[in-house]
Amino acid sequence: MRALIVEDSQMSQAYIQSLLAELEIDTVCASDGLSGVEFFQQEGPDLVLLDIVLPDIDGLEVARRIRKGERPGEWTPIIFLTARTTDEDLEAGIEAGGDDYLAKPINPVVLAAKLRAMQRIVLMRRELDAANRELRRLSSVDGLTGLANRRQFDYTLQNEWMWGQAQKQPLSLLMCDVDFFKLYNDNYGHPQGDECLRQVANALHEALKGPKDLAARYGGEEFAILLPNTGPDMAMMIAERARESVAALKMPHALSPLGQVSISLGVATRVPASTHTSDRLIALADRALYIAKHNGRNRAAQAVVGTTDSKSA
């Protein structure tokens, strides 16, 4: 743990630091309220020991500013250091965002006991936060392929559509389908079909170009790749790279004309606008995917906005 001590007396600072050092707690110190708020924002401590009487703003205002600056879901224990221990003082401290009081002069035994209690709370909260993050991750991941699931794809698509609309930047979508996958499943069995999908998913993920690109399992043997801030030429390059990555796997497929697993891709690009929804982008990519299949599969076709045609590669 790391603690922030906000205390204007250097003697008190040194004394508290020595007590915390015995508990193996690192410290950073501030001598006034404004510095305390600044250090909190910079250092992100696990615990705050806060004197109420300070030379500029008082400890109650420091606590308010700390709480106001915390992100949703964050919480840092605040223990007030004060000689004021009336019921009204305690109520004011709790109302300002404090969690506990430590009366001056500081009793080292009481301090150690309070810090151990706060440590337990901090550790339990960290474990809970980690568990919640893992649950959120699992709820957004396809269990078979490890890619984003349909729920996460829909959520990201809406966010990127709004971002593209605000920034007037293009958004590209690749819809991908494993060619003759039903025949593959019938011939090799569902366990091998699952392994095929996993390998295709890995190949698609490797084809991504940027940190915001998203590969997702759209449903069954169909995948989607979302490419924010990506124009049509780059989208086609990534589509071809994805197709080649799957071809390089050389997975046998006896019932395919190619003799191995391949994918077809439909590519669509739009600059999001308020006159359309993201469903329009999906419809364009689906149309291009249909053209790619109609033209022989194992290829990418690109939707041309404003026409009923698509370009193939």
C-alpha atoms as a PDB file:
ATOM      1  CA  MET A   1       0.000   0.000   0.000  1.00  0.00           C
ATOM      2  CA  ARG A   2       0.951   3.627  -0.472  1.00  0.00           C
ATOM      3  CA  ALA A   3      -0.400   6.390   1.755  1.00  0.00           C
ATOM      4  CA  LEU A   4      -0.717  10.132   1.267  1.00  0.00           C
ATOM      5  CA  ILE A   5      -0.145  12.161   4.451  1.00  0.00           C
ATOM      6  CA  VAL A   6      -1.586  15.684   4.362  1.00  0.00           C
ATOM      7  CA  GLU A   7      -0.210  17.365   7.470  1.00  0.00           C
ATOM      8  CA  ASP A   8       1.275  20.861   7.879  1.00  0.00           C
ATOM      9  CA  SER A   9       3.509  19.938  10.845  1.00  0.00           C
ATOM     10  CA  GLN A  10       6.777  18.422   9.674  1.00  0.00           C
ATOM     11  CA  MET A  11       7.254  16.796  13.054  1.00  0.00           C
ATOM     12  CA  SER A  12       3.869  15.083  12.771  1.00  0.00           C
ATOM     13  CA  GLN A  13       4.639  14.083   9.190  1.00  0.00           C
ATOM     14  CA  ALA A  14       7.899  12.426  10.235  1.00  0.00           C
ATOM     15  CA  TYR A  15       6.229  10.665  13.174  1.00  0.00           C
ATOM     16  CA  ILE A  16       3.386   9.271  11.024  1.00  0.00           C
ATOM     17  CA  GLN A  17       5.861   8.233   8.321  1.00  0.00           C
ATOM     18  CA  SER A  18       7.877   6.266  10.861  1.00  0.00           C
ATOM     19  CA  LEU A  19       4.758   4.495  12.115  1.00  0.00           C
ATOM     20  CA  LEU A  20       3.679   3.615   8.572  1.00  0.00           C
ATOM     21  CA  ALA A  21       7.170   2.406   7.679  1.00  0.00           C
ATOM     22  CA  GLU A  22       6.894  -0.176  10.476  1.00  0.00           C
ATOM     23  CA  LEU A  23       3.724  -1.411   8.738  1.00  0.00           C
ATOM     24  CA  GLU A  24       5.577  -1.524   5.391  1.00  0.00           C
ATOM     25  CA  ILE A  25       3.422   1.253   3.936  1.00  0.00           C
ATOM     26  CA  ASP A  26       5.142   3.708   1.582  1.00  0.00           C
ATOM     27  CA  THR A  27       4.252   7.365   1.987  1.00  0.00           C
ATOM     28  CA  VAL A  28       4.114  10.677   0.139  1.00  0.00           C
ATOM     29  CA  CYS A  29       3.558  13.902   2.081  1.00  0.00           C
ATOM     30  CA  ALA A  30       1.865  17.242   1.480  1.00  0.00           C
ATOM     31  CA  SER A  31       2.004  20.248   3.799  1.00  0.00           C
ATOM     32  CA  ASP A  32      -1.173  22.014   2.714  1.00  0.00           C
ATOM     33  CA  GLY A  33      -4.590  21.167   1.308  1.00  0.00           C
ATOM     34  CA  LEU A  34      -4.090  22.210  -2.307  1.00  0.00           C
ATOM     35  CA  SER A  35      -0.855  20.234  -2.554  1.00  0.00           C
ATOM     36  CA  GLY A  36      -2.653  17.287  -0.999  1.00  0.00           C
ATOM     37  CA  VAL A  37      -5.313  17.330  -3.725  1.00  0.00           C
ATOM     38  CA  GLU A  38      -2.620  17.666  -6.398  1.00  0.00           C
ATOM     39  CA  PHE A  39      -0.546  14.808  -4.968  1.00  0.00           C
ATOM     40  CA  PHE A  40      -3.629  12.618  -4.749  1.00  0.00           C
ATOM     41  CA  GLN A  41      -4.354  13.157  -8.439  1.00  0.00           C
ATOM     42  CA  GLN A  42      -0.717  12.518  -9.387  1.00  0.00           C
ATOM     43  CA  GLU A  43       0.145   9.625  -7.076  1.00  0.00           C
ATOM     44  CA  GLY A  44      -3.139   7.711  -6.795  1.00  0.00           C
ATOM     45  CA  PRO A  45      -2.491   6.506  -3.216  1.00  0.00           C
ATOM     46  CA  ASP A  46      -4.305   3.607  -1.571  1.00  0.00           C
ATOM     47  CA  LEU A  47      -4.983   5.566   1.621  1.00  0.00           C
ATOM     48  CA  VAL A  48      -5.151   9.215   2.754  1.00  0.00           C
ATOM     49  CA  LEU A  49      -4.279  10.442   6.269  1.00  0.00           C
ATOM     50  CA  LEU A  50      -5.662  13.964   6.357  1.00  0.00           C
ATOM     51  CA  ASP A  51      -5.266  16.701   8.959  1.00  0.00           C
ATOM     52  CA  ILE A  52      -8.376  18.854   9.265  1.00  0.00           C
ATOM     53  CA  VAL A  53      -6.584  22.105  10.176  1.00  0.00           C
ATOM     54  CA  LEU A  54      -4.387  23.184   7.259  1.00  0.00           C
ATOM     55  CA  PRO A  55      -2.890  26.553   6.260  1.00  0.00           C
ATOM     56  CA  ASP A  56      -4.997  27.026   3.115  1.00  0.00           C
ATOM     57  CA  ILE A  57      -8.162  24.982   2.569  1.00  0.00           C
ATOM     58  CA  ASP A  58      -9.179  22.723   5.423  1.00  0.00           C
ATOM     59  CA  GLY A  59      -9.172  18.937   5.428  1.00  0.00           C
ATOM     60  CA  LEU A  60     -12.926  18.756   4.891  1.00  0.00           C
ATOM     61  CA  GLU A  61     -12.595  20.632   1.602  1.00  0.00           C
ATOM     62  CA  VAL A  62      -9.636  18.433   0.619  1.00  0.00           C
ATOM     63  CA  ALA A  63     -11.795  15.344   1.193  1.00  0.00           C
ATOM     64  CA  ARG A  64     -14.615  16.817  -0.904  1.00  0.00           C
ATOM     65  CA  ARG A  65     -12.246  17.529  -3.784  1.00  0.00           C
ATOM     66  CA  ILE A  66     -10.721  14.068  -3.572  1.00  0.00           C
ATOM     67  CA  ARG A  67     -14.144  12.429  -3.737  1.00  0.00           C
ATOM     68  CA  LYS A  68     -15.200  14.688  -6.595  1.00  0.00           C
ATOM     69  CA  GLY A  69     -12.070  13.744  -8.567  1.00  0.00           C
ATOM     70  CA  GLU A  70     -12.444   9.981  -8.163  1.00  0.00           C
ATOM     71  CA  ARG A  71     -13.735   8.059 -11.162  1.00  0.00           C
ATOM     72  CA  PRO A  72     -17.011   6.107 -10.856  1.00  0.00           C
ATOM     73  CA  GLY A  73     -16.399   2.926  -8.886  1.00  0.00           C
ATOM     74  CA  GLU A  74     -13.155   4.180  -7.323  1.00  0.00           C
ATOM     75  CA  TRP A  75     -12.797   4.649  -3.588  1.00  0.00           C
ATOM     76  CA  THR A  76      -9.781   5.605  -1.476  1.00  0.00           C
ATOM     77  CA  PRO A  77     -10.037   5.401   2.344  1.00  0.00           C
ATOM     78  CA  ILE A  78      -9.654   8.780   4.085  1.00  0.00           C
ATOM     79  CA  ILE A  79      -8.746   8.942   7.782  1.00  0.00           C
ATOM     80  CA  PHE A  80      -8.947  12.375   9.387  1.00  0.00           C
ATOM     81  CA  LEU A  81      -6.258  13.424  11.872  1.00  0.00           C
ATOM     82  CA  THR A  82      -7.704  15.892  14.353  1.00  0.00           C
ATOM     83  CA  ALA A  83      -8.052  16.963  17.953  1.00  0.00           C
ATOM     84  CA  ARG A  84     -11.696  17.772  17.251  1.00  0.00           C
ATOM     85  CA  THR A  85     -13.726  14.706  18.181  1.00  0.00           C
ATOM     86  CA  THR A  86     -17.198  16.019  18.980  1.00  0.00           C
ATOM     87  CA  ASP A  87     -20.216  14.374  17.375  1.00  0.00           C
ATOM     88  CA  GLU A  88     -20.620  17.407  15.119  1.00  0.00           C
ATOM     89  CA  ASP A  89     -17.008  17.153  13.960  1.00  0.00           C
ATOM     90  CA  LEU A  90     -17.396  13.441  13.223  1.00  0.00           C
ATOM     91  CA  GLU A  91     -20.594  14.056  11.275  1.00  0.00           C
ATOM     92  CA  ALA A  92     -18.982  16.850   9.250  1.00  0.00           C
ATOM     93  CA  GLY A  93     -16.039  14.612   8.378  1.00  0.00           C
ATOM     94  CA  ILE A  94     -18.182  11.724   7.212  1.00  0.00           C
ATOM     95  CA  GLU A  95     -20.378  14.109   5.235  1.00  0.00           C
ATOM     96  CA  ALA A  96     -17.263  15.500   3.497  1.00  0.00           C
ATOM     97  CA  GLY A  97     -16.212  12.002   2.371  1.00  0.00           C
ATOM     98  CA  GLY A  98     -14.080  10.732   5.234  1.00  0.00           C
ATOM     99  CA  ASP A  99     -14.183   7.142   6.478  1.00  0.00           C
ATOM    100  CA  ASP A 100     -12.659   7.319   9.963  1.00  0.00           C
ATOM    101  CA  TYR A 101     -11.095   9.600  12.581  1.00  0.00           C
ATOM    102  CA  LEU A 102      -7.797   9.372  14.413  1.00  0.00           C
ATOM    103  CA  ALA A 103      -7.557  11.649  17.448  1.00  0.00           C
ATOM    104  CA  LYS A 104      -4.425  13.640  18.146  1.00  0.00           C
ATOM    105  CA  PRO A 105      -2.036  12.972  19.757  1.00  0.00           C
ATOM    106  CA  ILE A 106      -1.827   9.849  17.630  1.00  0.00           C
ATOM    107  CA  ASN A 107      -1.754   6.529  19.461  1.00  0.00           C
ATOM    108  CA  PRO A 108       0.450   4.146  17.418  1.00  0.00           C
ATOM    109  CA  VAL A 109      -1.536   1.088  18.508  1.00  0.00           C
ATOM    110  CA  VAL A 110      -4.827   2.659  17.415  1.00  0.00           C
ATOM    111  CA  LEU A 111      -3.246   3.860  14.163  1.00  0.00           C
ATOM    112  CA  ALA A 112      -1.928   0.378  13.361  1.00  0.00           C
ATOM    113  CA  ALA A 113      -5.318  -1.191  14.089  1.00  0.00           C
ATOM    114  CA  LYS A 114      -7.195   1.290  11.894  1.00  0.00           C
ATOM    115  CA  LEU A 115      -4.702   0.886   9.042  1.00  0.00           C
ATOM    116  CA  ARG A 116      -4.931  -2.900   9.170  1.00  0.00           C
ATOM    117  CA  ALA A 117      -8.709  -2.596   8.929  1.00  0.00           C
ATOM    118  CA  MET A 118      -8.414  -0.231   5.976  1.00  0.00           C
ATOM    119  CA  GLN A 119      -5.885  -2.531   4.307  1.00  0.00           C
ATOM    120  CA  ARG A 120      -8.348  -5.408   4.504  1.00  0.00           C
ATOM    121  CA  ILE A 121     -11.069  -3.250   2.963  1.00  0.00           C
ATOM    122  CA  VAL A 122      -8.753  -2.062   0.170  1.00  0.00           C
ATOM    123  CA  LEU A 123      -7.619  -5.610  -0.636  1.00  0.00           C
ATOM    124  CA  MET A 124     -11.182  -6.937  -0.640  1.00  0.00           C
ATOM    125  CA  ARG A 125     -12.236  -4.101  -2.924  1.00  0.00           C
ATOM    126  CA  ARG A 126      -9.361  -4.835  -5.292  1.00  0.00           C
ATOM    127  CA  GLU A 127     -10.343  -8.488  -5.426  1.00  0.00           C
ATOM    128  CA  LEU A 128     -13.961  -7.521  -6.068  1.00  0.00           C
ATOM    129  CA  ASP A 129     -12.955  -5.080  -8.811  1.00  0.00           C
ATOM    130  CA  ALA A 130     -10.767  -7.744 -10.433  1.00  0.00           C
ATOM    131  CA  ALA A 131     -13.630 -10.238 -10.305  1.00  0.00           C
ATOM    132  CA  ASN A 132     -16.016  -7.703 -11.834  1.00  0.00           C
ATOM    133  CA  ARG A 133     -13.541  -6.903 -14.613  1.00  0.00           C
ATOM    134  CA  GLU A 134     -13.207 -10.602 -15.369  1.00  0.00           C
ATOM    135  CA  LEU A 135     -16.987 -11.004 -15.457  1.00  0.00           C
ATOM    136  CA  ARG A 136     -17.272  -8.069 -17.863  1.00  0.00           C
ATOM    137  CA  ARG A 137     -14.541  -9.594 -20.016  1.00  0.00           C
ATOM    138  CA  LEU A 138     -16.224 -12.978 -20.074  1.00  0.00           C
ATOM    139  CA  SER A 139     -19.570 -11.408 -20.946  1.00  0.00           C
ATOM    140  CA  SER A 140     -17.988  -9.798 -24.017  1.00  0.00           C
ATOM    141  CA  VAL A 141     -15.984 -12.777 -25.308  1.00  0.00           C
ATOM    142  CA  ASP A 142     -17.110 -15.663 -27.492  1.00  0.00           C
ATOM    143  CA  GLY A 143     -16.424 -18.830 -25.524  1.00  0.00           C
ATOM    144  CA  LEU A 144     -15.347 -20.907 -28.525  1.00  0.00           C
ATOM    145  CA  THR A 145     -13.047 -18.562 -30.448  1.00  0.00           C
ATOM    146  CA  GLY A 146     -11.897 -16.045 -27.840  1.00  0.00           C
ATOM    147  CA  LEU A 147     -12.926 -13.170 -30.107  1.00  0.00           C
ATOM    148  CA  ALA A 148     -15.466 -10.533 -29.134  1.00  0.00           C
ATOM    149  CA  ASN A 149     -18.995 -11.921 -29.093  1.00  0.00           C
ATOM    150  CA  ARG A 150     -22.024 -10.544 -30.907  1.00  0.00           C
ATOM    151  CA  ARG A 151     -23.047  -8.463 -27.886  1.00  0.00           C
ATOM    152  CA  GLN A 152     -19.653  -6.763 -27.738  1.00  0.00           C
ATOM    153  CA  PHE A 153     -19.637  -6.254 -31.508  1.00  0.00           C
ATOM    154  CA  ASP A 154     -23.035  -4.517 -31.431  1.00  0.00           C
ATOM    155  CA  TYR A 155     -21.926  -2.296 -28.546  1.00  0.00           C
ATOM    156  CA  THR A 156     -18.640  -1.342 -30.217  1.00  0.00           C
ATOM    157  CA  LEU A 157     -20.287  -0.727 -33.579  1.00  0.00           C
ATOM    158  CA  GLN A 158     -22.705   1.772 -32.052  1.00  0.00           C
ATOM    159  CA  ASN A 159     -19.911   3.585 -30.226  1.00  0.00           C
ATOM    160  CA  GLU A 160     -17.681   3.747 -33.304  1.00  0.00           C
ATOM    161  CA  TRP A 161     -20.593   4.889 -35.461  1.00  0.00           C
ATOM    162  CA  MET A 162     -21.232   7.797 -33.094  1.00  0.00           C
ATOM    163  CA  TRP A 163     -17.515   8.611 -32.933  1.00  0.00           C
ATOM    164  CA  GLY A 164     -17.194   8.532 -36.728  1.00  0.00           C
ATOM    165  CA  GLN A 165     -20.231  10.777 -37.049  1.00  0.00           C
ATOM    166  CA  ALA A 166     -18.780  13.305 -34.617  1.00  0.00           C
ATOM    167  CA  GLN A 167     -15.291  13.216 -36.158  1.00  0.00           C
ATOM    168  CA  LYS A 168     -16.449  12.741 -39.768  1.00  0.00           C
ATOM    169  CA  GLN A 169     -14.094   9.782 -40.127  1.00  0.00           C
ATOM    170  CA  PRO A 170     -14.762   6.619 -42.173  1.00  0.00           C
ATOM    171  CA  LEU A 171     -15.803   3.356 -40.567  1.00  0.00           C
ATOM    172  CA  SER A 172     -15.247   0.070 -42.384  1.00  0.00           C
ATOM    173  CA  LEU A 173     -16.828  -3.314 -41.747  1.00  0.00           C
ATOM    174  CA  LEU A 174     -15.773  -6.722 -43.027  1.00  0.00           C
ATOM    175  CA  MET A 175     -18.303  -9.542 -42.907  1.00  0.00           C
ATOM    176  CA  CYS A 176     -16.541 -12.910 -43.244  1.00  0.00           C
ATOM    177  CA  ASP A 177     -17.976 -16.347 -43.858  1.00  0.00           C
ATOM    178  CA  VAL A 178     -16.202 -19.725 -43.847  1.00  0.00           C
ATOM    179  CA  ASP A 179     -16.835 -21.266 -47.264  1.00  0.00           C
ATOM    180  CA  PHE A 180     -18.819 -24.533 -47.366  1.00  0.00           C
ATOM    181  CA  PHE A 181     -18.681 -24.809 -43.584  1.00  0.00           C
ATOM    182  CA  LYS A 182     -21.793 -26.984 -43.308  1.00  0.00           C
ATOM    183  CA  LEU A 183     -20.143 -29.521 -45.593  1.00  0.00           C
ATOM    184  CA  TYR A 184     -17.007 -29.302 -43.457  1.00  0.00           C
ATOM    185  CA  ASN A 185     -18.995 -30.060 -40.292  1.00  0.00           C
ATOM    186  CA  ASP A 186     -20.856 -32.922 -41.966  1.00  0.00           C
ATOM    187  CA  ASN A 187     -17.630 -34.467 -43.197  1.00  0.00           C
ATOM    188  CA  TYR A 188     -15.269 -33.940 -40.260  1.00  0.00           C
ATOM    189  CA  GLY A 189     -17.680 -33.673 -37.321  1.00  0.00           C
ATOM    190  CA  HIS A 190     -18.552 -30.850 -34.976  1.00  0.00           C
ATOM    191  CA  PRO A 191     -15.457 -31.072 -32.718  1.00  0.00           C
ATOM    192  CA  GLN A 192     -13.219 -30.609 -35.744  1.00  0.00           C
ATOM    193  CA  GLY A 193     -15.579 -27.893 -36.967  1.00  0.00           C
ATOM    194  CA  ASP A 194     -15.067 -26.052 -33.679  1.00  0.00           C
ATOM    195  CA  GLU A 195     -11.297 -26.337 -34.089  1.00  0.00           C
ATOM    196  CA  CYS A 196     -11.611 -24.968 -37.606  1.00  0.00           C
ATOM    197  CA  LEU A 197     -13.480 -21.923 -36.311  1.00  0.00           C
ATOM    198  CA  ARG A 198     -10.867 -21.344 -33.630  1.00  0.00           C
ATOM    199  CA  GLN A 199      -8.060 -21.356 -36.174  1.00  0.00           C
ATOM    200  CA  VAL A 200      -9.950 -19.063 -38.536  1.00  0.00           C
ATOM    201  CA  ALA A 201     -10.611 -16.691 -35.618  1.00  0.00           C
ATOM    202  CA  ASN A 202      -6.903 -16.567 -34.773  1.00  0.00           C
ATOM    203  CA  ALA A 203      -6.045 -15.831 -38.396  1.00  0.00           C
ATOM    204  CA  LEU A 204      -8.577 -12.996 -38.543  1.00  0.00           C
ATOM    205  CA  HIS A 205      -7.260 -11.501 -35.322  1.00  0.00           C
ATOM    206  CA  GLU A 206      -3.724 -11.537 -36.722  1.00  0.00           C
ATOM    207  CA  ALA A 207      -4.902  -9.541 -39.742  1.00  0.00           C
ATOM    208  CA  LEU A 208      -5.959  -6.530 -37.661  1.00  0.00           C
ATOM    209  CA  LYS A 209      -3.959  -3.345 -38.119  1.00  0.00           C
ATOM    210  CA  GLY A 210      -4.723  -1.025 -35.186  1.00  0.00           C
ATOM    211  CA  PRO A 211      -5.526  -1.029 -31.455  1.00  0.00           C
ATOM    212  CA  LYS A 212      -9.181  -0.068 -32.035  1.00  0.00           C
ATOM    213  CA  ASP A 213      -9.823  -2.731 -34.689  1.00  0.00           C
ATOM    214  CA  LEU A 214     -12.194  -5.442 -33.505  1.00  0.00           C
ATOM    215  CA  ALA A 215     -12.652  -9.005 -34.721  1.00  0.00           C
ATOM    216  CA  ALA A 216     -15.845 -10.679 -33.513  1.00  0.00           C
ATOM    217  CA  ARG A 217     -17.778 -13.877 -33.998  1.00  0.00           C
ATOM    218  CA  TYR A 218     -20.998 -12.659 -35.548  1.00  0.00           C
ATOM    219  CA  GLY A 219     -22.808 -16.003 -35.478  1.00  0.00           C
ATOM    220  CA  GLY A 220     -22.163 -19.611 -36.478  1.00  0.00           C
ATOM    221  CA  GLU A 221     -19.370 -19.628 -39.063  1.00  0.00           C
ATOM    222  CA  GLU A 222     -19.703 -15.894 -39.724  1.00  0.00           C
ATOM    223  CA  PHE A 223     -17.257 -13.315 -38.395  1.00  0.00           C
ATOM    224  CA  ALA A 224     -17.105  -9.515 -38.460  1.00  0.00           C
ATOM    225  CA  ILE A 225     -14.138  -7.156 -38.429  1.00  0.00           C
ATOM    226  CA  LEU A 226     -14.727  -3.543 -37.448  1.00  0.00           C
ATOM    227  CA  LEU A 227     -12.151  -1.014 -38.636  1.00  0.00           C
ATOM    228  CA  PRO A 228     -12.575   2.516 -37.203  1.00  0.00           C
ATOM    229  CA  ASN A 229     -11.003   5.436 -39.057  1.00  0.00           C
ATOM    230  CA  THR A 230     -10.298   3.185 -42.049  1.00  0.00           C
ATOM    231  CA  GLY A 231     -11.045   4.043 -45.655  1.00  0.00           C
ATOM    232  CA  PRO A 232     -12.116   1.646 -48.430  1.00  0.00           C
ATOM    233  CA  ASP A 233      -8.641   0.973 -49.866  1.00  0.00           C
ATOM    234  CA  MET A 234      -7.120   0.028 -46.531  1.00  0.00           C
ATOM    235  CA  ALA A 235     -10.231  -2.032 -45.685  1.00  0.00           C
ATOM    236  CA  MET A 236      -9.760  -4.076 -48.861  1.00  0.00           C
ATOM    237  CA  MET A 237      -6.087  -4.582 -48.041  1.00  0.00           C
ATOM    238  CA  ILE A 238      -6.984  -5.917 -44.610  1.00  0.00           C
ATOM    239  CA  ALA A 239      -9.695  -8.118 -46.118  1.00  0.00           C
ATOM    240  CA  GLU A 240      -7.184  -9.632 -48.515  1.00  0.00           C
ATOM    241  CA  ARG A 241      -4.689 -10.093 -45.698  1.00  0.00           C
ATOM    242  CA  ALA A 242      -7.350 -11.891 -43.653  1.00  0.00           C
ATOM    243  CA  ARG A 243      -8.233 -14.132 -46.621  1.00  0.00           C
ATOM    244  CA  GLU A 244      -4.567 -14.983 -47.167  1.00  0.00           C
ATOM    245  CA  SER A 245      -4.048 -15.684 -43.449  1.00  0.00           C
ATOM    246  CA  VAL A 246      -6.824 -18.267 -43.496  1.00  0.00           C
ATOM    247  CA  ALA A 247      -5.528 -19.775 -46.744  1.00  0.00           C
ATOM    248  CA  ALA A 248      -2.055 -20.083 -45.192  1.00  0.00           C
ATOM    249  CA  LEU A 249      -3.505 -22.403 -42.531  1.00  0.00           C
ATOM    250  CA  LYS A 250      -3.926 -25.037 -45.280  1.00  0.00           C
ATOM    251  CA  MET A 251      -6.671 -26.821 -43.348  1.00  0.00           C
ATOM    252  CA  PRO A 252      -7.921 -29.710 -45.509  1.00  0.00           C
ATOM    253  CA  HIS A 253     -11.539 -29.491 -46.724  1.00  0.00           C
ATOM    254  CA  ALA A 254     -12.250 -32.416 -48.996  1.00  0.00           C
ATOM    255  CA  LEU A 255     -15.709 -31.169 -49.989  1.00  0.00           C
ATOM    256  CA  SER A 256     -14.523 -27.713 -51.051  1.00  0.00           C
ATOM    257  CA  PRO A 257     -13.476 -27.072 -54.677  1.00  0.00           C
ATOM    258  CA  LEU A 258     -10.214 -25.656 -53.293  1.00  0.00           C
ATOM    259  CA  GLY A 259      -9.487 -28.715 -51.180  1.00  0.00           C
ATOM    260  CA  GLN A 260      -8.897 -26.543 -48.107  1.00  0.00           C
ATOM    261  CA  VAL A 261     -10.705 -24.133 -45.820  1.00  0.00           C
ATOM    262  CA  SER A 262     -11.220 -20.642 -47.203  1.00  0.00           C
ATOM    263  CA  ILE A 263     -13.268 -17.562 -46.406  1.00  0.00           C
ATOM    264  CA  SER A 264     -15.304 -15.037 -48.363  1.00  0.00           C
ATOM    265  CA  LEU A 265     -15.507 -11.417 -47.268  1.00  0.00           C
ATOM    266  CA  GLY A 266     -17.819  -8.487 -47.851  1.00  0.00           C
ATOM    267  CA  VAL A 267     -16.321  -5.045 -47.294  1.00  0.00           C
ATOM    268  CA  ALA A 268     -18.254  -1.831 -46.687  1.00  0.00           C
ATOM    269  CA  THR A 269     -17.123   1.670 -45.758  1.00  0.00           C
ATOM    270  CA  ARG A 270     -19.130   4.728 -44.810  1.00  0.00           C
ATOM    271  CA  VAL A 271     -18.583   8.024 -43.082  1.00  0.00           C
ATOM    272  CA  PRO A 272     -21.305   7.754 -40.411  1.00  0.00           C
ATOM    273  CA  ALA A 273     -24.066  10.322 -40.750  1.00  0.00           C
ATOM    274  CA  SER A 274     -27.280  11.090 -38.910  1.00  0.00           C
ATOM    275  CA  THR A 275     -29.271  10.178 -42.036  1.00  0.00           C
ATOM    276  CA  HIS A 276     -28.394   6.485 -41.591  1.00  0.00           C
ATOM    277  CA  THR A 277     -27.865   4.025 -38.768  1.00  0.00           C
ATOM    278  CA  SER A 278     -25.098   1.462 -38.405  1.00  0.00           C
ATOM    279  CA  ASP A 279     -27.522  -1.137 -39.778  1.00  0.00           C
ATOM    280  CA  ARG A 280     -26.876   0.396 -43.190  1.00  0.00           C
ATOM    281  CA  LEU A 281     -23.185  -0.493 -42.911  1.00  0.00           C
ATOM    282  CA  ILE A 282     -24.058  -4.092 -42.004  1.00  0.00           C
ATOM    283  CA  ALA A 283     -26.473  -4.324 -44.938  1.00  0.00           C
ATOM    284  CA  LEU A 284     -23.806  -3.062 -47.358  1.00  0.00           C
ATOM    285  CA  ALA A 285     -21.215  -5.524 -46.046  1.00  0.00           C
ATOM    286  CA  ASP A 286     -23.740  -8.384 -46.232  1.00  0.00           C
ATOM    287  CA  ARG A 287     -24.526  -7.444 -49.836  1.00  0.00           C
ATOM    288  CA  ALA A 288     -20.829  -7.451 -50.700  1.00  0.00           C
ATOM    289  CA  LEU A 289     -20.395 -10.822 -48.995  1.00  0.00           C
ATOM    290  CA  TYR A 290     -23.201 -12.226 -51.129  1.00  0.00           C
ATOM    291  CA  ILE A 291     -21.428 -10.947 -54.251  1.00  0.00           C
ATOM    292  CA  ALA A 292     -18.145 -12.549 -53.124  1.00  0.00           C
ATOM    293  CA  LYS A 293     -19.880 -15.909 -52.704  1.00  0.00           C
ATOM    294  CA  HIS A 294     -21.759 -15.548 -55.983  1.00  0.00           C
ATOM    295  CA  ASN A 295     -18.483 -14.864 -57.815  1.00  0.00           C
ATOM    296  CA  GLY A 296     -16.856 -18.072 -56.617  1.00  0.00           C
ATOM    297  CA  ARG A 297     -15.967 -17.655 -52.913  1.00  0.00           C
ATOM    298  CA  ASN A 298     -12.434 -17.395 -51.475  1.00  0.00           C
ATOM    299  CA  ARG A 299     -12.395 -13.682 -52.285  1.00  0.00           C
ATOM    300  CA  ALA A 300     -13.339 -10.258 -50.988  1.00  0.00           C
ATOM    301  CA  ALA A 301     -15.942  -8.014 -52.566  1.00  0.00           C
ATOM    302  CA  GLN A 302     -16.416  -4.354 -51.760  1.00  0.00           C
ATOM    303  CA  ALA A 303     -19.705  -2.534 -51.592  1.00  0.00           C
ATOM    304  CA  VAL A 304     -19.908   0.602 -53.738  1.00  0.00           C
ATOM    305  CA  VAL A 305     -22.186   3.102 -52.054  1.00  0.00           C
ATOM    306  CA  GLY A 306     -24.839   4.504 -54.340  1.00  0.00           C
ATOM    307  CA  THR A 307     -24.898   1.564 -56.737  1.00  0.00           C
ATOM    308  CA  THR A 308     -26.109  -2.003 -56.665  1.00  0.00           C
ATOM    309  CA  ASP A 309     -22.715  -3.309 -57.788  1.00  0.00           C
ATOM    310  CA  SER A 310     -19.702  -4.459 -55.806  1.00  0.00           C
ATOM    311  CA  LYS A 311     -16.041  -4.680 -56.686  1.00  0.00           C
ATOM    312  CA  SER A 312     -14.288  -8.034 -56.198  1.00  0.00           C
ATOM    313  CA  ALA A 313     -10.715  -8.838 -55.342  1.00  0.00           C
END
